[in-house]
Amino acid sequence: MRIVCIADTHGPHRQLEVPPADLLIHAGDFTFYSTPPSIVSDFDAWLGSLPHRHKVVVPGNHEFAPEEPEDRGAIANAILLVDSGVRVGGMRIWGSPVIPLYGGAFNT
């Protein structure tokens, strides 16, 4: 299985040339404090346009939008991991956005 992992795109995700793979993981900070609000829906639409068979997103400390459980449906074109896991192609992937040493979203 070929895996591509990206992170810290902070909004200009459409400028990326994402290599082909079976699994794409975005490991956080796809926005800059979830502003403007349309950035989350644009990010989700961008995910939907990518050819990767499996897509996993773990929010980072800049993602205030999916901090509340009722808002997590905004990411529909990937599996969103918030202190949860998923099995993809025989691999177990765990994602947690908790970052206690830095300010922002998901701090405990």
N, C-alpha and C. Protein backbone atom coordinates (compact mmCIF):
# COMPACT_ATOMS: atom_id res chain seq x y z
N MET A 1 0.85 -1.17 0.00
CA MET A 1 0.00 0.00 0.00
C MET A 1 0.89 1.24 0.00
N ARG A 2 0.61 2.15 -0.90
CA ARG A 2 1.35 3.41 -0.96
C ARG A 2 0.59 4.47 -0.17
N ILE A 3 1.32 5.19 0.70
CA ILE A 3 0.71 6.17 1.59
C ILE A 3 1.37 7.53 1.36
N VAL A 4 0.53 8.56 1.29
CA VAL A 4 1.01 9.94 1.24
C VAL A 4 0.46 10.64 2.48
N CYS A 5 1.34 11.31 3.21
CA CYS A 5 0.93 12.05 4.40
C CYS A 5 1.33 13.51 4.22
N ILE A 6 0.35 14.39 4.39
CA ILE A 6 0.60 15.83 4.31
C ILE A 6 0.07 16.48 5.58
N ALA A 7 0.51 17.68 5.86
CA ALA A 7 0.05 18.41 7.03
C ALA A 7 0.38 19.89 6.86
N ASP A 8 -0.22 20.69 7.72
CA ASP A 8 0.09 22.12 7.80
C ASP A 8 -0.09 22.84 6.47
N THR A 9 -1.15 22.53 5.77
CA THR A 9 -1.41 23.22 4.50
C THR A 9 -2.04 24.59 4.74
N HIS A 10 -2.74 24.79 5.83
CA HIS A 10 -3.28 26.09 6.25
C HIS A 10 -4.04 26.85 5.17
N GLY A 11 -4.75 26.14 4.32
CA GLY A 11 -5.63 26.81 3.36
C GLY A 11 -5.30 26.63 1.90
N PRO A 12 -4.07 26.84 1.46
CA PRO A 12 -3.81 26.74 0.02
C PRO A 12 -3.60 25.30 -0.47
N HIS A 13 -4.48 24.40 -0.03
CA HIS A 13 -4.36 22.98 -0.40
C HIS A 13 -4.47 22.76 -1.90
N ARG A 14 -5.22 23.59 -2.59
CA ARG A 14 -5.40 23.40 -4.04
C ARG A 14 -4.11 23.67 -4.82
N GLN A 15 -3.13 24.27 -4.19
CA GLN A 15 -1.85 24.52 -4.85
C GLN A 15 -0.91 23.32 -4.78
N LEU A 16 -1.28 22.32 -4.00
CA LEU A 16 -0.43 21.15 -3.82
C LEU A 16 -0.51 20.21 -5.01
N GLU A 17 0.60 19.58 -5.30
CA GLU A 17 0.62 18.46 -6.24
C GLU A 17 0.77 17.21 -5.38
N VAL A 18 -0.34 16.56 -5.12
CA VAL A 18 -0.35 15.40 -4.24
C VAL A 18 -0.03 14.16 -5.07
N PRO A 19 1.01 13.42 -4.70
CA PRO A 19 1.37 12.23 -5.47
C PRO A 19 0.28 11.16 -5.37
N PRO A 20 0.22 10.29 -6.36
CA PRO A 20 -0.76 9.20 -6.29
C PRO A 20 -0.41 8.24 -5.16
N ALA A 21 -1.44 7.66 -4.58
CA ALA A 21 -1.26 6.69 -3.50
C ALA A 21 -2.59 5.99 -3.26
N ASP A 22 -2.54 4.94 -2.46
CA ASP A 22 -3.76 4.26 -2.05
C ASP A 22 -4.43 4.99 -0.89
N LEU A 23 -3.61 5.61 -0.05
CA LEU A 23 -4.09 6.27 1.16
C LEU A 23 -3.47 7.65 1.28
N LEU A 24 -4.33 8.64 1.48
CA LEU A 24 -3.89 10.01 1.76
C LEU A 24 -4.25 10.32 3.21
N ILE A 25 -3.27 10.76 3.97
CA ILE A 25 -3.51 11.20 5.34
C ILE A 25 -3.17 12.68 5.42
N HIS A 26 -4.12 13.48 5.91
CA HIS A 26 -3.81 14.87 6.23
C HIS A 26 -3.72 14.94 7.75
N ALA A 27 -2.53 15.24 8.24
CA ALA A 27 -2.25 15.14 9.67
C ALA A 27 -2.39 16.47 10.40
N GLY A 28 -3.34 17.28 10.00
CA GLY A 28 -3.67 18.46 10.78
C GLY A 28 -3.28 19.78 10.18
N ASP A 29 -3.99 20.80 10.64
CA ASP A 29 -3.81 22.19 10.24
C ASP A 29 -4.08 22.39 8.75
N PHE A 30 -5.28 21.99 8.33
CA PHE A 30 -5.69 22.25 6.96
C PHE A 30 -6.31 23.64 6.83
N THR A 31 -6.53 24.34 7.95
CA THR A 31 -7.00 25.72 7.94
C THR A 31 -6.09 26.56 8.81
N PHE A 32 -6.38 27.84 8.84
CA PHE A 32 -5.73 28.73 9.79
C PHE A 32 -6.83 29.26 10.69
N TYR A 33 -7.10 28.53 11.76
CA TYR A 33 -8.15 28.83 12.72
C TYR A 33 -9.55 28.80 12.09
N SER A 34 -9.73 27.91 11.11
CA SER A 34 -11.02 27.67 10.46
C SER A 34 -11.61 28.93 9.82
N THR A 35 -10.76 29.86 9.42
CA THR A 35 -11.24 31.07 8.76
C THR A 35 -10.62 31.19 7.38
N PRO A 36 -11.35 31.70 6.41
CA PRO A 36 -12.78 31.98 6.49
C PRO A 36 -13.57 30.68 6.60
N PRO A 37 -14.82 30.75 7.05
CA PRO A 37 -15.61 29.52 7.23
C PRO A 37 -15.71 28.66 5.97
N SER A 38 -15.66 29.27 4.81
CA SER A 38 -15.77 28.51 3.56
C SER A 38 -14.56 27.61 3.31
N ILE A 39 -13.47 27.82 4.04
CA ILE A 39 -12.25 27.03 3.81
C ILE A 39 -12.47 25.56 4.14
N VAL A 40 -13.30 25.28 5.14
CA VAL A 40 -13.55 23.88 5.50
C VAL A 40 -14.31 23.17 4.39
N SER A 41 -15.34 23.82 3.85
CA SER A 41 -16.10 23.19 2.76
C SER A 41 -15.25 23.08 1.50
N ASP A 42 -14.39 24.05 1.25
CA ASP A 42 -13.50 23.96 0.10
C ASP A 42 -12.49 22.83 0.28
N PHE A 43 -11.97 22.68 1.49
CA PHE A 43 -11.04 21.59 1.77
C PHE A 43 -11.72 20.24 1.54
N ASP A 44 -12.96 20.11 2.01
CA ASP A 44 -13.68 18.86 1.82
C ASP A 44 -13.94 18.59 0.34
N ALA A 45 -14.31 19.62 -0.41
CA ALA A 45 -14.53 19.45 -1.85
C ALA A 45 -13.23 19.05 -2.55
N TRP A 46 -12.12 19.65 -2.13
CA TRP A 46 -10.81 19.30 -2.69
C TRP A 46 -10.49 17.84 -2.41
N LEU A 47 -10.74 17.39 -1.17
CA LEU A 47 -10.52 15.98 -0.85
C LEU A 47 -11.33 15.08 -1.79
N GLY A 48 -12.57 15.47 -2.03
CA GLY A 48 -13.43 14.68 -2.90
C GLY A 48 -12.94 14.61 -4.34
N SER A 49 -12.16 15.60 -4.75
CA SER A 49 -11.66 15.62 -6.13
C SER A 49 -10.38 14.79 -6.30
N LEU A 50 -9.78 14.38 -5.21
CA LEU A 50 -8.53 13.62 -5.29
C LEU A 50 -8.81 12.15 -5.57
N PRO A 51 -7.91 11.48 -6.31
CA PRO A 51 -8.17 10.11 -6.72
C PRO A 51 -7.84 9.03 -5.68
N HIS A 52 -7.32 9.41 -4.54
CA HIS A 52 -6.90 8.43 -3.54
C HIS A 52 -8.10 7.61 -3.06
N ARG A 53 -7.91 6.30 -3.02
CA ARG A 53 -9.01 5.41 -2.64
C ARG A 53 -9.45 5.64 -1.20
N HIS A 54 -8.49 5.85 -0.32
CA HIS A 54 -8.78 6.08 1.10
C HIS A 54 -8.20 7.44 1.50
N LYS A 55 -8.96 8.17 2.30
CA LYS A 55 -8.52 9.48 2.78
C LYS A 55 -8.84 9.59 4.26
N VAL A 56 -7.85 10.00 5.03
CA VAL A 56 -8.01 10.15 6.48
C VAL A 56 -7.55 11.56 6.85
N VAL A 57 -8.33 12.22 7.69
CA VAL A 57 -7.99 13.56 8.16
C VAL A 57 -7.99 13.56 9.68
N VAL A 58 -6.93 14.11 10.26
CA VAL A 58 -6.86 14.34 11.70
C VAL A 58 -6.77 15.85 11.89
N PRO A 59 -7.73 16.46 12.58
CA PRO A 59 -7.66 17.91 12.77
C PRO A 59 -6.43 18.29 13.60
N GLY A 60 -5.99 19.51 13.41
CA GLY A 60 -4.87 20.04 14.18
C GLY A 60 -5.33 21.15 15.11
N ASN A 61 -4.38 21.82 15.72
CA ASN A 61 -4.74 22.87 16.67
C ASN A 61 -5.28 24.13 15.99
N HIS A 62 -5.30 24.17 14.67
CA HIS A 62 -5.91 25.30 13.96
C HIS A 62 -7.33 25.00 13.48
N GLU A 63 -7.83 23.81 13.73
CA GLU A 63 -9.16 23.44 13.26
C GLU A 63 -10.21 23.60 14.35
N PHE A 64 -10.76 24.79 14.46
CA PHE A 64 -11.84 25.00 15.42
C PHE A 64 -13.16 24.44 14.90
N ALA A 65 -13.35 24.41 13.59
CA ALA A 65 -14.63 23.97 13.02
C ALA A 65 -15.02 22.56 13.46
N PRO A 66 -14.15 21.55 13.37
CA PRO A 66 -14.58 20.21 13.78
C PRO A 66 -14.40 19.91 15.27
N GLU A 67 -14.13 20.95 16.07
CA GLU A 67 -13.93 20.72 17.50
C GLU A 67 -15.22 20.21 18.16
N GLU A 68 -16.35 20.73 17.72
CA GLU A 68 -17.64 20.29 18.26
C GLU A 68 -18.13 19.08 17.46
N PRO A 69 -18.55 18.03 18.15
CA PRO A 69 -18.99 16.81 17.44
C PRO A 69 -20.06 17.06 16.38
N GLU A 70 -20.97 17.99 16.62
CA GLU A 70 -22.04 18.23 15.65
C GLU A 70 -21.54 18.89 14.37
N ASP A 71 -20.32 19.42 14.38
CA ASP A 71 -19.76 20.08 13.20
C ASP A 71 -18.82 19.18 12.40
N ARG A 72 -18.61 17.98 12.84
CA ARG A 72 -17.63 17.10 12.19
C ARG A 72 -18.11 16.56 10.85
N GLY A 73 -19.39 16.66 10.58
CA GLY A 73 -19.92 16.22 9.29
C GLY A 73 -19.48 17.09 8.13
N ALA A 74 -18.84 18.22 8.43
CA ALA A 74 -18.36 19.11 7.36
C ALA A 74 -17.27 18.44 6.53
N ILE A 75 -16.60 17.45 7.10
CA ILE A 75 -15.62 16.66 6.35
C ILE A 75 -16.29 15.35 5.98
N ALA A 76 -16.83 15.29 4.77
CA ALA A 76 -17.58 14.11 4.32
C ALA A 76 -16.79 13.26 3.33
N ASN A 77 -15.73 13.81 2.76
CA ASN A 77 -14.97 13.09 1.73
C ASN A 77 -13.72 12.41 2.27
N ALA A 78 -13.68 12.24 3.58
CA ALA A 78 -12.57 11.54 4.23
C ALA A 78 -13.07 11.01 5.56
N ILE A 79 -12.30 10.11 6.12
CA ILE A 79 -12.58 9.64 7.48
C ILE A 79 -11.92 10.63 8.42
N LEU A 80 -12.70 11.25 9.27
CA LEU A 80 -12.20 12.23 10.23
C LEU A 80 -11.94 11.52 11.55
N LEU A 81 -10.70 11.56 12.01
CA LEU A 81 -10.34 10.90 13.26
C LEU A 81 -10.14 11.93 14.37
N VAL A 82 -10.98 11.82 15.38
CA VAL A 82 -10.88 12.67 16.57
C VAL A 82 -10.87 11.72 17.75
N ASP A 83 -9.67 11.43 18.25
CA ASP A 83 -9.50 10.44 19.32
C ASP A 83 -10.18 9.13 18.95
N SER A 84 -9.93 8.70 17.73
CA SER A 84 -10.54 7.48 17.23
C SER A 84 -9.61 6.84 16.21
N GLY A 85 -9.98 5.64 15.80
CA GLY A 85 -9.16 4.91 14.86
C GLY A 85 -9.97 4.30 13.75
N VAL A 86 -9.24 3.81 12.76
CA VAL A 86 -9.87 3.17 11.61
C VAL A 86 -8.89 2.13 11.07
N ARG A 87 -9.42 1.11 10.45
CA ARG A 87 -8.59 0.10 9.79
C ARG A 87 -8.69 0.34 8.29
N VAL A 88 -7.53 0.51 7.66
CA VAL A 88 -7.46 0.73 6.22
C VAL A 88 -6.44 -0.25 5.65
N GLY A 89 -6.89 -1.11 4.77
CA GLY A 89 -5.99 -2.05 4.13
C GLY A 89 -5.17 -2.89 5.10
N GLY A 90 -5.78 -3.29 6.19
CA GLY A 90 -5.08 -4.11 7.17
C GLY A 90 -4.27 -3.32 8.18
N MET A 91 -4.15 -2.01 7.99
CA MET A 91 -3.42 -1.16 8.95
C MET A 91 -4.41 -0.48 9.88
N ARG A 92 -4.00 -0.32 11.11
CA ARG A 92 -4.80 0.44 12.05
C ARG A 92 -4.19 1.83 12.17
N ILE A 93 -5.04 2.84 12.03
CA ILE A 93 -4.60 4.23 12.10
C ILE A 93 -5.37 4.89 13.24
N TRP A 94 -4.66 5.56 14.11
CA TRP A 94 -5.26 6.30 15.23
C TRP A 94 -4.99 7.78 15.02
N GLY A 95 -6.00 8.60 15.23
CA GLY A 95 -5.82 10.04 15.10
C GLY A 95 -6.33 10.78 16.31
N SER A 96 -5.52 11.68 16.82
CA SER A 96 -5.92 12.52 17.95
C SER A 96 -5.41 13.93 17.72
N PRO A 97 -6.31 14.91 17.75
CA PRO A 97 -5.89 16.29 17.55
C PRO A 97 -5.42 17.00 18.81
N VAL A 98 -5.40 16.31 19.93
CA VAL A 98 -5.06 16.96 21.19
C VAL A 98 -3.59 17.36 21.19
N ILE A 99 -3.35 18.65 21.42
CA ILE A 99 -2.00 19.21 21.42
C ILE A 99 -1.88 20.08 22.66
N PRO A 100 -1.55 19.51 23.82
CA PRO A 100 -1.59 20.27 25.06
C PRO A 100 -0.54 21.37 25.19
N LEU A 101 0.54 21.33 24.42
CA LEU A 101 1.60 22.31 24.60
C LEU A 101 1.41 23.58 23.78
N TYR A 102 0.46 23.58 22.86
CA TYR A 102 0.26 24.73 21.97
C TYR A 102 -1.17 25.23 22.10
N GLY A 103 -1.37 26.49 21.81
CA GLY A 103 -2.71 27.05 21.86
C GLY A 103 -3.53 26.61 20.67
N GLY A 104 -4.81 26.86 20.74
CA GLY A 104 -5.68 26.55 19.61
C GLY A 104 -6.76 25.57 19.99
N ALA A 105 -7.27 24.90 19.00
CA ALA A 105 -8.38 23.97 19.18
C ALA A 105 -7.92 22.67 19.83
N PHE A 106 -8.87 21.94 20.38
CA PHE A 106 -8.68 20.60 20.93
C PHE A 106 -7.69 20.54 22.09
N ASN A 107 -7.48 21.61 22.79
CA ASN A 107 -6.58 21.58 23.94
C ASN A 107 -7.36 21.15 25.17
N THR A 108 -6.71 20.35 25.98
CA THR A 108 -7.37 19.85 27.18
C THR A 108 -6.92 20.61 28.40
